């Protein structure tokens, strides 16, 4: 005689159909694949594009500032920087005013690659925006921002 499950299959279906975390993760993976494919000819991923774009500032940011913008911990960011450093697209250096801080900047090769990537990003992003409809992209961004800020510790 088979034993009754601890969790009913209907609960599994409920989670599959309603779990916001699951739906956001699935959408994030689909978007990541789409942008990865678009940026593949340049030899970068969407994550590397975002990281490099976060460095496109008047002054080189600290590792902590970039980690905050990208919602990464510093260890993950440091690991993500390694392939870009090996390709001489970014460089890290010690802050001249505070030797405890490390800053990151794009190299001239990194700037050139990022300039090539921006039109690809714009085209791909435009296609995604069109797929979401007229007010969809703005509504989605607002909703995701609301979720991201509500998830931050008080």
Protein backbone atom coordinates (compact mmCIF):
# COMPACT_ATOMS: atom_id res chain seq x y z
CA UNK A 1 0.00 0.00 0.00
CA UNK A 2 1.44 3.36 -0.99
CA UNK A 3 1.95 6.00 1.58
CA UNK A 4 0.27 9.42 1.22
CA UNK A 5 2.69 12.14 0.16
CA UNK A 6 3.57 14.81 2.71
CA UNK A 7 2.93 17.49 0.11
CA UNK A 8 0.04 17.13 -2.31
CA UNK A 9 0.78 17.34 -6.03
CA UNK A 10 -1.72 20.19 -6.23
CA UNK A 11 0.70 22.18 -4.07
CA UNK A 12 3.45 21.51 -6.59
CA UNK A 13 1.18 22.82 -9.36
CA UNK A 14 0.27 25.87 -7.26
CA UNK A 15 3.94 26.73 -6.75
CA UNK A 16 4.74 26.13 -10.43
CA UNK A 17 1.93 28.41 -11.55
CA UNK A 18 2.12 31.21 -8.95
CA UNK A 19 5.64 31.42 -7.47
CA UNK A 20 7.00 34.87 -8.32
CA UNK A 21 10.56 33.80 -7.54
CA UNK A 22 10.34 30.91 -10.00
CA UNK A 23 8.81 33.10 -12.72
CA UNK A 24 11.40 35.84 -12.26
CA UNK A 25 14.24 33.29 -12.34
CA UNK A 26 12.88 31.71 -15.53
CA UNK A 27 12.46 35.11 -17.19
CA UNK A 28 15.95 36.17 -16.07
CA UNK A 29 17.48 33.02 -17.56
CA UNK A 30 15.59 33.52 -20.84
CA UNK A 31 16.68 37.17 -21.06
CA UNK A 32 20.26 36.26 -20.18
CA UNK A 33 20.36 33.65 -22.96
CA UNK A 34 18.93 36.17 -25.45
CA UNK A 35 21.49 38.86 -24.60
CA UNK A 36 24.35 36.33 -24.34
CA UNK A 37 23.56 35.18 -27.87
CA UNK A 38 23.40 38.74 -29.18
CA UNK A 39 26.74 39.67 -27.57
CA UNK A 40 28.49 36.39 -28.45
CA UNK A 41 30.18 37.84 -31.59
CA UNK A 42 32.04 40.25 -29.30
CA UNK A 43 33.12 37.47 -26.96
CA UNK A 44 31.28 38.81 -23.90
CA UNK A 45 28.25 37.75 -21.91
CA UNK A 46 25.37 39.94 -20.79
CA UNK A 47 26.83 39.87 -17.27
CA UNK A 48 30.17 41.12 -18.56
CA UNK A 49 28.39 43.82 -20.56
CA UNK A 50 26.57 44.98 -17.42
CA UNK A 51 29.77 44.92 -15.39
CA UNK A 52 31.66 46.91 -18.01
CA UNK A 53 28.79 49.37 -18.37
CA UNK A 54 28.83 49.92 -14.60
CA UNK A 55 32.43 51.11 -15.00
CA UNK A 56 31.52 53.71 -17.62
CA UNK A 57 31.65 56.65 -15.19
CA UNK A 58 33.56 59.92 -14.97
CA UNK A 59 35.67 58.51 -12.11
CA UNK A 60 36.68 54.86 -11.59
CA UNK A 61 34.39 53.32 -8.96
CA UNK A 62 35.44 51.22 -6.01
CA UNK A 63 34.85 47.49 -6.02
CA UNK A 64 32.25 48.00 -3.29
CA UNK A 65 30.33 50.57 -5.35
CA UNK A 66 30.24 48.29 -8.40
CA UNK A 67 29.21 45.30 -6.29
CA UNK A 68 26.34 47.38 -4.90
CA UNK A 69 25.13 48.50 -8.35
CA UNK A 70 25.21 44.94 -9.66
CA UNK A 71 23.74 43.44 -6.45
CA UNK A 72 26.76 41.13 -6.13
CA UNK A 73 28.98 40.35 -3.23
CA UNK A 74 32.58 41.50 -3.57
CA UNK A 75 33.94 37.96 -3.94
CA UNK A 76 31.61 37.21 -6.85
CA UNK A 77 32.50 40.53 -8.48
CA UNK A 78 36.22 39.85 -8.09
CA UNK A 79 35.76 36.48 -9.80
CA UNK A 80 33.69 38.08 -12.59
CA UNK A 81 36.46 40.63 -13.20
CA UNK A 82 39.16 37.98 -13.79
CA UNK A 83 38.30 37.09 -17.42
CA UNK A 84 37.91 40.77 -18.30
CA UNK A 85 41.28 41.55 -16.71
CA UNK A 86 42.92 38.66 -18.60
CA UNK A 87 41.59 40.17 -21.85
CA UNK A 88 42.90 43.60 -20.73
CA UNK A 89 39.39 45.08 -20.94
CA UNK A 90 39.38 46.28 -17.32
CA UNK A 91 42.01 46.96 -14.71
CA UNK A 92 41.91 47.24 -10.95
CA UNK A 93 44.20 49.53 -9.01
CA UNK A 94 44.72 50.79 -5.49
CA UNK A 95 43.04 54.11 -4.66
CA UNK A 96 45.67 56.83 -4.32
CA UNK A 97 43.82 58.53 -1.44
CA UNK A 98 42.96 55.39 0.55
CA UNK A 99 45.25 52.41 0.03
CA UNK A 100 42.59 50.09 1.50
CA UNK A 101 40.30 50.68 -1.49
CA UNK A 102 40.58 49.11 -4.91
CA UNK A 103 39.09 50.84 -7.93
CA UNK A 104 38.19 49.47 -11.35
CA UNK A 105 38.33 51.11 -14.74
CA UNK A 106 37.82 50.20 -18.36
CA UNK A 107 40.95 50.09 -20.46
CA UNK A 108 40.93 51.71 -23.91
CA UNK A 109 40.27 48.23 -25.39
CA UNK A 110 37.41 47.81 -22.92
CA UNK A 111 35.94 51.17 -23.92
CA UNK A 112 36.13 50.22 -27.61
CA UNK A 113 34.49 46.85 -27.01
CA UNK A 114 31.76 48.44 -24.91
CA UNK A 115 31.13 50.98 -27.69
CA UNK A 116 30.67 48.06 -30.11
CA UNK A 117 28.34 46.30 -27.68
CA UNK A 118 25.98 49.21 -27.02
CA UNK A 119 24.24 49.11 -30.44
CA UNK A 120 23.77 45.35 -30.07
CA UNK A 121 22.32 45.87 -26.60
CA UNK A 122 20.00 48.62 -27.89
CA UNK A 123 18.73 46.45 -30.74
CA UNK A 124 18.17 43.42 -28.51
CA UNK A 125 16.60 45.53 -25.77
CA UNK A 126 14.28 47.18 -28.30
CA UNK A 127 13.07 43.76 -29.43
CA UNK A 128 12.37 42.76 -25.82
CA UNK A 129 10.54 46.04 -25.19
CA UNK A 130 8.38 45.51 -28.27
CA UNK A 131 7.58 41.99 -27.10
CA UNK A 132 6.29 43.41 -23.80
CA UNK A 133 3.99 45.94 -25.48
CA UNK A 134 3.51 49.67 -25.05
CA UNK A 135 3.53 50.09 -21.27
CA UNK A 136 4.98 46.67 -20.43
CA UNK A 137 8.68 47.56 -20.13
CA UNK A 138 8.11 50.54 -17.84
CA UNK A 139 5.62 48.63 -15.70
CA UNK A 140 7.96 45.63 -15.45
CA UNK A 141 10.94 47.82 -14.47
CA UNK A 142 8.84 49.57 -11.81
CA UNK A 143 7.57 46.27 -10.43
CA UNK A 144 11.05 44.71 -10.36
CA UNK A 145 12.48 47.80 -8.67
CA UNK A 146 9.72 47.65 -6.05
CA UNK A 147 10.54 44.00 -5.37
CA UNK A 148 14.28 44.64 -5.25
CA UNK A 149 14.01 47.56 -2.83
CA UNK A 150 11.47 45.81 -0.61
CA UNK A 151 13.82 42.82 -0.33
CA UNK A 152 16.67 44.96 1.01
CA UNK A 153 17.27 44.78 4.76
CA UNK A 154 15.87 47.70 6.72
